[in-house]
N, C-alpha and C. Protein backbone atom coordinates (compact mmCIF):
# COMPACT_ATOMS: atom_id res chain seq x y z
N MET A 1 14.44 9.21 -21.01
CA MET A 1 13.95 7.82 -21.09
C MET A 1 12.66 7.79 -21.72
N ASN A 2 12.50 6.59 -22.35
CA ASN A 2 11.24 6.35 -23.13
C ASN A 2 10.09 6.16 -22.18
N LYS A 3 8.94 6.85 -22.47
CA LYS A 3 7.75 6.76 -21.68
C LYS A 3 7.21 5.50 -21.49
N ARG A 4 7.25 4.65 -22.53
CA ARG A 4 6.81 3.21 -22.47
C ARG A 4 7.58 2.41 -21.37
N PHE A 5 8.98 2.60 -21.49
CA PHE A 5 9.81 1.87 -20.50
C PHE A 5 9.35 2.30 -19.08
N LEU A 6 9.21 3.55 -18.86
CA LEU A 6 8.82 4.06 -17.53
C LEU A 6 7.43 3.51 -17.10
N LEU A 7 6.41 3.43 -18.02
CA LEU A 7 5.20 2.87 -17.73
C LEU A 7 5.30 1.32 -17.33
N VAL A 8 6.08 0.65 -18.06
CA VAL A 8 6.22 -0.82 -17.87
C VAL A 8 6.92 -1.06 -16.58
N LEU A 9 8.06 -0.24 -16.29
CA LEU A 9 8.64 -0.26 -15.08
C LEU A 9 7.70 -0.02 -13.83
N ALA A 10 6.89 1.04 -13.92
CA ALA A 10 5.99 1.36 -12.90
C ALA A 10 5.00 0.22 -12.63
N VAL A 11 4.54 -0.31 -13.65
CA VAL A 11 3.52 -1.36 -13.54
C VAL A 11 4.25 -2.62 -12.85
N LEU A 12 5.40 -2.94 -13.20
CA LEU A 12 6.07 -4.03 -12.62
C LEU A 12 6.35 -3.80 -11.15
N VAL A 13 6.70 -2.63 -10.84
CA VAL A 13 7.18 -2.21 -9.43
C VAL A 13 5.87 -2.23 -8.60
N LEU A 14 4.80 -1.69 -9.12
CA LEU A 14 3.58 -1.48 -8.34
C LEU A 14 2.81 -2.92 -8.07
N GLN A 15 3.15 -3.92 -8.90
CA GLN A 15 2.65 -5.26 -8.77
C GLN A 15 3.11 -5.92 -7.49
N GLY A 16 4.28 -5.57 -7.12
CA GLY A 16 4.86 -6.06 -5.80
C GLY A 16 4.78 -5.15 -4.62
N CYS A 17 4.24 -3.98 -4.88
CA CYS A 17 4.28 -2.89 -3.80
C CYS A 17 3.22 -3.23 -2.78
N ALA A 18 3.63 -3.37 -1.56
CA ALA A 18 2.75 -3.66 -0.38
C ALA A 18 1.72 -2.54 -0.13
N THR A 19 2.08 -1.31 -0.46
CA THR A 19 1.21 -0.23 -0.34
C THR A 19 0.06 -0.27 -1.26
N ALA A 20 0.44 -0.51 -2.48
CA ALA A 20 -0.57 -0.69 -3.54
C ALA A 20 -1.58 -1.91 -3.32
N ARG A 21 -1.05 -2.95 -2.64
CA ARG A 21 -1.91 -4.14 -2.33
C ARG A 21 -2.81 -3.78 -1.14
N THR A 22 -2.28 -3.01 -0.26
CA THR A 22 -3.16 -2.73 1.00
C THR A 22 -4.29 -1.59 0.64
N LEU A 23 -3.97 -0.80 -0.40
CA LEU A 23 -4.86 0.26 -0.64
C LEU A 23 -6.33 -0.26 -0.91
N ASN A 24 -6.53 -1.49 -1.64
CA ASN A 24 -7.93 -1.88 -1.93
C ASN A 24 -8.17 -3.21 -1.11
N ALA A 25 -7.55 -3.35 -0.03
CA ALA A 25 -7.79 -4.46 0.83
C ALA A 25 -9.28 -4.21 1.49
N ALA A 26 -10.06 -5.21 1.47
CA ALA A 26 -11.33 -5.09 1.98
C ALA A 26 -11.57 -5.67 3.31
N LYS A 27 -10.47 -5.66 4.12
CA LYS A 27 -10.59 -6.20 5.39
C LYS A 27 -10.89 -5.15 6.37
N PRO A 28 -11.97 -5.22 7.19
CA PRO A 28 -12.49 -4.00 7.86
C PRO A 28 -11.44 -3.65 9.01
N ASP A 29 -10.86 -4.54 9.60
CA ASP A 29 -10.02 -4.18 10.74
C ASP A 29 -8.45 -4.02 10.35
N ALA A 30 -8.11 -4.02 9.10
CA ALA A 30 -6.90 -3.98 8.62
C ALA A 30 -6.19 -2.60 8.86
N PRO A 31 -4.94 -2.52 9.20
CA PRO A 31 -4.33 -1.17 9.52
C PRO A 31 -4.35 -0.27 8.20
N LEU A 32 -4.41 1.01 8.46
CA LEU A 32 -4.54 1.84 7.29
C LEU A 32 -3.27 2.79 7.28
N VAL A 33 -2.83 3.25 8.41
CA VAL A 33 -1.67 4.09 8.43
C VAL A 33 -0.41 3.40 8.30
N TYR A 34 0.39 3.76 7.22
CA TYR A 34 1.63 3.05 6.85
C TYR A 34 1.35 1.49 6.78
N ALA A 35 0.30 1.12 6.06
CA ALA A 35 -0.11 -0.37 5.89
C ALA A 35 0.90 -1.03 5.12
N GLY A 36 1.29 -0.45 4.08
CA GLY A 36 2.39 -1.19 3.18
C GLY A 36 3.54 -1.35 3.77
N THR A 37 4.04 -0.32 4.41
CA THR A 37 5.36 -0.45 5.24
C THR A 37 5.18 -1.57 6.33
N ARG A 38 4.21 -1.62 6.97
CA ARG A 38 3.94 -2.50 8.05
C ARG A 38 3.74 -3.98 7.48
N LEU A 39 3.17 -4.13 6.40
CA LEU A 39 3.08 -5.37 5.71
C LEU A 39 4.35 -5.92 5.35
N ASP A 40 5.28 -5.06 4.80
CA ASP A 40 6.72 -5.35 4.49
C ASP A 40 7.47 -5.84 5.73
N LEU A 41 7.31 -5.03 6.77
CA LEU A 41 8.05 -5.38 7.98
C LEU A 41 7.46 -6.66 8.64
N TYR A 42 6.19 -6.90 8.54
CA TYR A 42 5.56 -8.19 9.01
C TYR A 42 6.18 -9.28 8.10
N ALA A 43 6.14 -9.26 6.82
CA ALA A 43 6.75 -10.28 6.15
C ALA A 43 8.14 -10.54 6.31
N TRP A 44 8.84 -9.38 6.44
CA TRP A 44 10.37 -9.48 6.62
C TRP A 44 10.76 -10.33 7.79
N ASN A 45 9.87 -10.08 8.88
CA ASN A 45 10.16 -10.74 10.16
C ASN A 45 9.58 -12.07 10.32
N GLY A 46 9.03 -12.54 9.26
CA GLY A 46 8.57 -14.07 9.15
C GLY A 46 7.18 -14.18 9.56
N GLY A 47 6.28 -13.17 9.40
CA GLY A 47 4.81 -13.19 9.69
C GLY A 47 4.22 -14.31 8.77
N CYS A 48 3.34 -14.99 9.38
CA CYS A 48 2.72 -16.20 8.66
C CYS A 48 1.49 -15.86 7.98
N CYS A 49 0.73 -14.99 8.38
CA CYS A 49 -0.72 -14.82 7.90
C CYS A 49 -0.86 -13.52 7.54
N ALA A 50 -0.22 -12.96 6.47
CA ALA A 50 -0.44 -11.53 6.07
C ALA A 50 -1.90 -11.33 5.54
N MET A 51 -2.54 -12.26 4.90
CA MET A 51 -3.90 -12.13 4.39
C MET A 51 -4.82 -11.81 5.63
N ASP A 52 -4.66 -12.49 6.76
CA ASP A 52 -5.46 -12.40 7.88
C ASP A 52 -5.31 -11.15 8.60
N HIS A 53 -4.13 -10.55 8.56
CA HIS A 53 -3.86 -9.26 9.38
C HIS A 53 -4.02 -8.20 8.58
N PHE A 54 -3.65 -8.24 7.22
CA PHE A 54 -3.65 -7.10 6.41
C PHE A 54 -4.78 -6.98 5.18
N GLY A 55 -5.22 -8.12 4.95
CA GLY A 55 -6.15 -8.32 3.88
C GLY A 55 -5.42 -8.32 2.50
N ALA A 56 -4.19 -8.48 2.46
CA ALA A 56 -3.44 -8.51 1.26
C ALA A 56 -2.16 -9.40 1.39
N GLU A 57 -1.74 -10.03 0.20
CA GLU A 57 -0.58 -10.92 0.35
C GLU A 57 0.66 -10.14 0.48
N ALA A 58 1.64 -10.48 1.07
CA ALA A 58 2.87 -9.86 1.13
C ALA A 58 3.73 -10.05 -0.03
N PRO A 59 4.52 -8.98 -0.43
CA PRO A 59 5.28 -9.02 -1.62
C PRO A 59 6.33 -10.24 -1.44
N ALA A 60 6.89 -10.76 -2.46
CA ALA A 60 7.84 -11.72 -2.43
C ALA A 60 9.12 -11.39 -1.78
N TYR A 61 9.59 -10.04 -2.22
CA TYR A 61 10.88 -9.56 -1.62
C TYR A 61 10.57 -8.29 -0.72
N PRO A 62 10.09 -8.49 0.44
CA PRO A 62 9.74 -7.31 1.28
C PRO A 62 10.92 -6.30 1.54
N GLY A 63 12.12 -6.76 1.64
CA GLY A 63 13.22 -5.92 1.76
C GLY A 63 13.50 -4.94 0.59
N LEU A 64 13.17 -5.38 -0.52
CA LEU A 64 13.41 -4.51 -1.84
C LEU A 64 12.15 -3.61 -1.79
N ASP A 65 11.09 -4.00 -1.42
CA ASP A 65 9.83 -3.23 -1.49
C ASP A 65 9.71 -2.19 -0.42
N LEU A 66 10.37 -2.37 0.62
CA LEU A 66 10.19 -1.46 1.81
C LEU A 66 10.45 0.00 1.66
N PRO A 67 11.59 0.36 0.94
CA PRO A 67 11.75 1.77 0.71
C PRO A 67 10.65 2.48 -0.18
N ALA A 68 10.29 1.72 -1.25
CA ALA A 68 9.16 2.31 -2.06
C ALA A 68 7.80 2.30 -1.25
N SER A 69 7.57 1.44 -0.54
CA SER A 69 6.35 1.45 0.19
C SER A 69 6.29 2.53 1.31
N ALA A 70 7.45 2.78 1.97
CA ALA A 70 7.58 3.84 2.93
C ALA A 70 7.40 5.13 2.25
N LEU A 71 7.92 5.34 1.05
CA LEU A 71 7.74 6.57 0.45
C LEU A 71 6.34 6.87 -0.04
N LEU A 72 5.75 5.81 -0.54
CA LEU A 72 4.30 5.84 -0.93
C LEU A 72 3.42 6.14 0.17
N ASP A 73 3.59 5.40 1.25
CA ASP A 73 2.81 5.51 2.54
C ASP A 73 2.92 6.92 3.02
N THR A 74 4.16 7.53 3.02
CA THR A 74 4.34 8.90 3.54
C THR A 74 3.58 9.86 2.64
N LEU A 75 3.65 9.75 1.40
CA LEU A 75 2.95 10.59 0.41
C LEU A 75 1.46 10.52 0.58
N LEU A 76 0.91 9.31 1.01
CA LEU A 76 -0.58 9.06 1.23
C LEU A 76 -0.98 9.15 2.66
N LEU A 77 -0.10 9.54 3.46
CA LEU A 77 -0.35 9.70 4.91
C LEU A 77 -1.54 10.58 5.35
N PRO A 78 -1.72 11.74 4.59
CA PRO A 78 -3.01 12.48 5.01
C PRO A 78 -4.31 11.67 4.66
N PHE A 79 -4.21 11.03 3.71
CA PHE A 79 -5.61 10.32 3.28
C PHE A 79 -5.71 9.03 4.18
N SER A 80 -4.70 8.34 4.51
CA SER A 80 -4.72 7.25 5.40
C SER A 80 -5.13 7.60 6.72
N VAL A 81 -4.67 8.74 7.22
CA VAL A 81 -5.07 9.18 8.66
C VAL A 81 -6.51 9.64 8.65
N ALA A 82 -6.94 10.32 7.54
CA ALA A 82 -8.27 10.61 7.35
C ALA A 82 -9.24 9.50 7.39
N ALA A 83 -8.88 8.40 6.71
CA ALA A 83 -9.61 7.26 6.55
C ALA A 83 -9.65 6.53 7.90
N ALA A 84 -8.49 6.51 8.68
CA ALA A 84 -8.45 5.93 9.91
C ALA A 84 -9.35 6.48 10.94
N ILE A 85 -9.54 7.85 10.96
CA ILE A 85 -10.44 8.60 11.80
C ILE A 85 -11.83 8.74 11.22
N ASN A 86 -12.12 8.15 10.06
CA ASN A 86 -13.50 8.08 9.57
C ASN A 86 -13.81 9.43 9.07
N VAL A 87 -12.95 10.24 8.41
CA VAL A 87 -13.37 11.46 7.80
C VAL A 87 -13.80 11.12 6.41
N ARG A 88 -15.01 11.43 5.95
CA ARG A 88 -15.51 11.27 4.63
C ARG A 88 -15.44 12.47 3.81
N PHE A 89 -15.08 12.33 2.58
CA PHE A 89 -14.97 13.45 1.60
C PHE A 89 -16.12 13.32 0.64
N ASN A 90 -16.95 14.39 0.58
CA ASN A 90 -18.00 14.38 -0.36
C ASN A 90 -17.57 15.19 -1.65
N VAL A 91 -16.95 14.58 -2.57
CA VAL A 91 -16.48 15.13 -3.65
C VAL A 91 -17.40 14.86 -4.84
N GLN A 92 -17.74 15.92 -5.54
CA GLN A 92 -18.66 15.66 -6.82
C GLN A 92 -18.11 16.29 -7.98
N GLY A 93 -18.40 15.75 -9.16
CA GLY A 93 -17.89 16.31 -10.38
C GLY A 93 -18.48 17.81 -10.66
N GLY A 94 -17.93 18.46 -11.68
CA GLY A 94 -18.43 19.86 -12.02
C GLY A 94 -19.68 19.65 -12.77
N ASN A 95 -20.28 20.81 -13.01
CA ASN A 95 -21.56 20.83 -13.84
C ASN A 95 -21.34 20.88 -15.21
């Protein structure tokens, strides 16, 4: 496949991805672990106030987004658990 096509497809998919939306949500008490999956399920079950609970808007089609969000949340699980228990990484660039 063409690399440009894959890039455009990735951008289009991630614009509606609940996990990508919750990664930079600035809500202090928003859930971190499986946040995108939880946002999809919340929206799918008719939740009214996604911005209040998650700090991000729910995708327009949560049923379509759910498998991708579950996969991405699983891949990011070590980082979200570390963030949930307040583990800080002190990473610096090379000399």
